[in-house]
């Protein structure tokens, strides 16, 4: 596991609610050059986003619209807290402004789930992790 992947995992554990073991193996995983794709968004950003949020069960992962929505995820170590993520890949180019991440967090209080704040820094860090992973994927597939 490379250092970036380790950092991403640690951030998700401490900043959101943790990582799990779920894998969504039925999602597209092949990479194509960013301008020659069968999807409408940047393939590197798409793959990096799916990889990053795959700890949570996916409700929607549409490579044509570029939208990934997770279901609520509760880390077994913190069962009174859960998180739901939405990632939107907005452009066929590998650019920072081609990615939007939003997160919803809830805590269990008095028998009901109550909305709780998510730090803007946490969302920004998730965007950074996805962007860095996408750049690494591109570097690995583009010669020299």
C-alpha atoms as a PDB file:
ATOM      1  CA  UNK A   1       0.000   0.000   0.000  1.00  0.00           C
ATOM      2  CA  UNK A   2       1.582   3.304  -0.999  1.00  0.00           C
ATOM      3  CA  UNK A   3       1.917   6.297   1.312  1.00  0.00           C
ATOM      4  CA  UNK A   4      -0.925   8.268  -0.323  1.00  0.00           C
ATOM      5  CA  UNK A   5      -3.335   5.382   0.048  1.00  0.00           C
ATOM      6  CA  UNK A   6      -2.301   4.973   3.707  1.00  0.00           C
ATOM      7  CA  UNK A   7      -2.828   8.677   4.337  1.00  0.00           C
ATOM      8  CA  UNK A   8      -6.252   8.543   2.693  1.00  0.00           C
ATOM      9  CA  UNK A   9      -7.272   5.610   4.851  1.00  0.00           C
ATOM     10  CA  UNK A  10      -6.068   7.319   8.029  1.00  0.00           C
ATOM     11  CA  UNK A  11      -7.883  10.539   7.164  1.00  0.00           C
ATOM     12  CA  UNK A  12     -11.132   8.701   6.585  1.00  0.00           C
ATOM     13  CA  UNK A  13     -10.775   6.892   9.897  1.00  0.00           C
ATOM     14  CA  UNK A  14     -10.167  10.012  11.942  1.00  0.00           C
ATOM     15  CA  UNK A  15     -11.948  12.769  10.034  1.00  0.00           C
ATOM     16  CA  UNK A  16     -15.193  11.126   8.995  1.00  0.00           C
ATOM     17  CA  UNK A  17     -16.059   7.877  10.714  1.00  0.00           C
ATOM     18  CA  UNK A  18     -13.584   5.319   9.552  1.00  0.00           C
ATOM     19  CA  UNK A  19     -12.961   2.884   6.803  1.00  0.00           C
ATOM     20  CA  UNK A  20     -14.496  -0.504   6.194  1.00  0.00           C
ATOM     21  CA  UNK A  21     -13.850  -3.486   4.051  1.00  0.00           C
ATOM     22  CA  UNK A  22     -16.659  -3.118   1.517  1.00  0.00           C
ATOM     23  CA  UNK A  23     -15.605  -3.260  -2.093  1.00  0.00           C
ATOM     24  CA  UNK A  24     -17.822  -2.491  -5.024  1.00  0.00           C
ATOM     25  CA  UNK A  25     -16.438  -4.834  -7.614  1.00  0.00           C
ATOM     26  CA  UNK A  26     -19.185  -4.312 -10.183  1.00  0.00           C
ATOM     27  CA  UNK A  27     -18.085  -0.761 -11.057  1.00  0.00           C
ATOM     28  CA  UNK A  28     -16.109   0.155 -14.176  1.00  0.00           C
ATOM     29  CA  UNK A  29     -12.405  -0.022 -13.387  1.00  0.00           C
ATOM     30  CA  UNK A  30     -10.650   0.173 -16.744  1.00  0.00           C
ATOM     31  CA  UNK A  31      -8.851   3.432 -17.392  1.00  0.00           C
ATOM     32  CA  UNK A  32      -8.808   5.194 -20.700  1.00  0.00           C
ATOM     33  CA  UNK A  33      -7.081   8.370 -21.849  1.00  0.00           C
ATOM     34  CA  UNK A  34      -9.042  11.343 -20.528  1.00  0.00           C
ATOM     35  CA  UNK A  35     -10.097  12.529 -23.992  1.00  0.00           C
ATOM     36  CA  UNK A  36     -10.930   9.107 -25.432  1.00  0.00           C
ATOM     37  CA  UNK A  37     -13.417   7.656 -22.974  1.00  0.00           C
ATOM     38  CA  UNK A  38     -16.681   5.846 -23.081  1.00  0.00           C
ATOM     39  CA  UNK A  39     -17.803   7.899 -20.085  1.00  0.00           C
ATOM     40  CA  UNK A  40     -18.654  11.588 -20.044  1.00  0.00           C
ATOM     41  CA  UNK A  41     -16.219  12.502 -17.274  1.00  0.00           C
ATOM     42  CA  UNK A  42     -12.511  12.194 -16.622  1.00  0.00           C
ATOM     43  CA  UNK A  43     -11.737   8.494 -16.224  1.00  0.00           C
ATOM     44  CA  UNK A  44      -8.865   9.092 -13.778  1.00  0.00           C
ATOM     45  CA  UNK A  45     -11.031  11.238 -11.500  1.00  0.00           C
ATOM     46  CA  UNK A  46     -13.821   8.687 -11.772  1.00  0.00           C
ATOM     47  CA  UNK A  47     -11.602   5.732 -10.825  1.00  0.00           C
ATOM     48  CA  UNK A  48      -9.941   7.676  -8.005  1.00  0.00           C
ATOM     49  CA  UNK A  49     -13.311   8.759  -6.608  1.00  0.00           C
ATOM     50  CA  UNK A  50     -14.739   5.220  -6.705  1.00  0.00           C
ATOM     51  CA  UNK A  51     -11.589   3.872  -5.031  1.00  0.00           C
ATOM     52  CA  UNK A  52     -11.669   6.536  -2.319  1.00  0.00           C
ATOM     53  CA  UNK A  53     -15.314   6.113  -1.288  1.00  0.00           C
ATOM     54  CA  UNK A  54     -15.537   2.346  -1.799  1.00  0.00           C
ATOM     55  CA  UNK A  55     -15.357   1.743   1.964  1.00  0.00           C
ATOM     56  CA  UNK A  56     -19.074   2.659   2.040  1.00  0.00           C
ATOM     57  CA  UNK A  57     -21.876   0.878   0.188  1.00  0.00           C
ATOM     58  CA  UNK A  58     -22.707   2.660  -3.058  1.00  0.00           C
ATOM     59  CA  UNK A  59     -26.278   3.691  -3.844  1.00  0.00           C
ATOM     60  CA  UNK A  60     -25.414   5.174  -7.206  1.00  0.00           C
ATOM     61  CA  UNK A  61     -22.324   5.207  -9.384  1.00  0.00           C
ATOM     62  CA  UNK A  62     -23.094   6.578 -12.822  1.00  0.00           C
ATOM     63  CA  UNK A  63     -20.021   7.199 -14.996  1.00  0.00           C
ATOM     64  CA  UNK A  64     -22.121   9.015 -17.596  1.00  0.00           C
ATOM     65  CA  UNK A  65     -23.365  11.660 -15.168  1.00  0.00           C
ATOM     66  CA  UNK A  66     -20.215  11.494 -13.022  1.00  0.00           C
ATOM     67  CA  UNK A  67     -22.184  11.099  -9.795  1.00  0.00           C
ATOM     68  CA  UNK A  68     -21.300   8.718  -6.976  1.00  0.00           C
ATOM     69  CA  UNK A  69     -23.575   8.523  -3.942  1.00  0.00           C
ATOM     70  CA  UNK A  70     -22.857   6.307  -0.964  1.00  0.00           C
ATOM     71  CA  UNK A  71     -25.376   4.941   1.445  1.00  0.00           C
ATOM     72  CA  UNK A  72     -25.024   5.777   5.128  1.00  0.00           C
ATOM     73  CA  UNK A  73     -21.892   4.196   6.566  1.00  0.00           C
ATOM     74  CA  UNK A  74     -21.246   3.648  10.264  1.00  0.00           C
ATOM     75  CA  UNK A  75     -17.834   2.535  11.402  1.00  0.00           C
ATOM     76  CA  UNK A  76     -18.219  -0.453  13.733  1.00  0.00           C
ATOM     77  CA  UNK A  77     -15.874   1.338  16.159  1.00  0.00           C
ATOM     78  CA  UNK A  78     -18.228   4.360  16.325  1.00  0.00           C
ATOM     79  CA  UNK A  79     -21.736   2.955  15.798  1.00  0.00           C
ATOM     80  CA  UNK A  80     -23.425   6.149  17.055  1.00  0.00           C
ATOM     81  CA  UNK A  81     -22.156   8.119  14.067  1.00  0.00           C
ATOM     82  CA  UNK A  82     -22.669   7.684  10.337  1.00  0.00           C
ATOM     83  CA  UNK A  83     -21.700   9.458   7.131  1.00  0.00           C
ATOM     84  CA  UNK A  84     -23.010   9.682   3.577  1.00  0.00           C
ATOM     85  CA  UNK A  85     -20.905  11.002   0.683  1.00  0.00           C
ATOM     86  CA  UNK A  86     -21.707  12.439  -2.723  1.00  0.00           C
ATOM     87  CA  UNK A  87     -18.976  12.881  -5.305  1.00  0.00           C
ATOM     88  CA  UNK A  88     -19.516  14.633  -8.622  1.00  0.00           C
ATOM     89  CA  UNK A  89     -16.965  14.482 -11.424  1.00  0.00           C
ATOM     90  CA  UNK A  90     -17.951  17.436 -13.589  1.00  0.00           C
ATOM     91  CA  UNK A  91     -15.617  17.548 -16.543  1.00  0.00           C
ATOM     92  CA  UNK A  92     -13.665  15.351 -18.968  1.00  0.00           C
ATOM     93  CA  UNK A  93     -10.433  17.157 -18.002  1.00  0.00           C
ATOM     94  CA  UNK A  94      -8.279  16.276 -15.005  1.00  0.00           C
ATOM     95  CA  UNK A  95      -8.633  19.565 -13.110  1.00  0.00           C
ATOM     96  CA  UNK A  96      -9.293  20.481  -9.485  1.00  0.00           C
ATOM     97  CA  UNK A  97     -12.506  22.307 -10.362  1.00  0.00           C
ATOM     98  CA  UNK A  98     -13.830  19.198 -12.109  1.00  0.00           C
ATOM     99  CA  UNK A  99     -14.526  17.548  -8.740  1.00  0.00           C
ATOM    100  CA  UNK A 100     -17.065  18.268  -6.001  1.00  0.00           C
ATOM    101  CA  UNK A 101     -17.394  16.299  -2.779  1.00  0.00           C
ATOM    102  CA  UNK A 102     -20.102  16.748  -0.191  1.00  0.00           C
ATOM    103  CA  UNK A 103     -20.640  14.869   3.030  1.00  0.00           C
ATOM    104  CA  UNK A 104     -23.524  14.471   5.437  1.00  0.00           C
ATOM    105  CA  UNK A 105     -22.962  13.280   8.978  1.00  0.00           C
ATOM    106  CA  UNK A 106     -25.421  12.146  11.614  1.00  0.00           C
ATOM    107  CA  UNK A 107     -25.142  11.119  15.253  1.00  0.00           C
ATOM    108  CA  UNK A 108     -27.544   8.872  17.141  1.00  0.00           C
ATOM    109  CA  UNK A 109     -29.184  10.770  19.996  1.00  0.00           C
ATOM    110  CA  UNK A 110     -32.217   9.777  22.049  1.00  0.00           C
ATOM    111  CA  UNK A 111     -33.206   7.038  19.639  1.00  0.00           C
ATOM    112  CA  UNK A 112     -33.029   9.092  16.434  1.00  0.00           C
ATOM    113  CA  UNK A 113     -30.396  10.111  13.896  1.00  0.00           C
ATOM    114  CA  UNK A 114     -29.640  13.841  14.149  1.00  0.00           C
ATOM    115  CA  UNK A 115     -27.739  15.858  11.541  1.00  0.00           C
ATOM    116  CA  UNK A 116     -24.281  16.931  12.679  1.00  0.00           C
ATOM    117  CA  UNK A 117     -21.749  19.249  11.059  1.00  0.00           C
ATOM    118  CA  UNK A 118     -18.978  18.057   8.780  1.00  0.00           C
ATOM    119  CA  UNK A 119     -15.801  20.097   8.748  1.00  0.00           C
ATOM    120  CA  UNK A 120     -15.133  21.925   5.485  1.00  0.00           C
ATOM    121  CA  UNK A 121     -11.511  20.857   5.916  1.00  0.00           C
ATOM    122  CA  UNK A 122     -12.595  17.208   5.869  1.00  0.00           C
ATOM    123  CA  UNK A 123     -14.433  17.628   2.571  1.00  0.00           C
ATOM    124  CA  UNK A 124     -11.476  19.538   1.108  1.00  0.00           C
ATOM    125  CA  UNK A 125      -9.101  16.795   2.234  1.00  0.00           C
ATOM    126  CA  UNK A 126     -11.257  14.145   0.542  1.00  0.00           C
ATOM    127  CA  UNK A 127     -11.171  16.180  -2.679  1.00  0.00           C
ATOM    128  CA  UNK A 128      -7.390  16.444  -2.369  1.00  0.00           C
ATOM    129  CA  UNK A 129      -7.058  12.678  -1.856  1.00  0.00           C
ATOM    130  CA  UNK A 130      -9.164  11.962  -4.947  1.00  0.00           C
ATOM    131  CA  UNK A 131      -7.246  14.506  -7.066  1.00  0.00           C
ATOM    132  CA  UNK A 132      -3.876  13.161  -5.963  1.00  0.00           C
ATOM    133  CA  UNK A 133      -4.969   9.582  -6.650  1.00  0.00           C
ATOM    134  CA  UNK A 134      -6.256  10.593 -10.110  1.00  0.00           C
ATOM    135  CA  UNK A 135      -2.942  12.255 -10.951  1.00  0.00           C
ATOM    136  CA  UNK A 136      -1.057   9.164  -9.788  1.00  0.00           C
ATOM    137  CA  UNK A 137      -3.280   6.942 -11.965  1.00  0.00           C
ATOM    138  CA  UNK A 138      -2.647   9.180 -14.960  1.00  0.00           C
ATOM    139  CA  UNK A 139       1.124   9.217 -14.364  1.00  0.00           C
ATOM    140  CA  UNK A 140       1.113   5.425 -14.162  1.00  0.00           C
ATOM    141  CA  UNK A 141      -0.640   5.048 -17.534  1.00  0.00           C
ATOM    142  CA  UNK A 142       0.931   7.852 -19.569  1.00  0.00           C
ATOM    143  CA  UNK A 143       4.476   7.157 -20.820  1.00  0.00           C
ATOM    144  CA  UNK A 144       7.323   9.318 -19.656  1.00  0.00           C
END
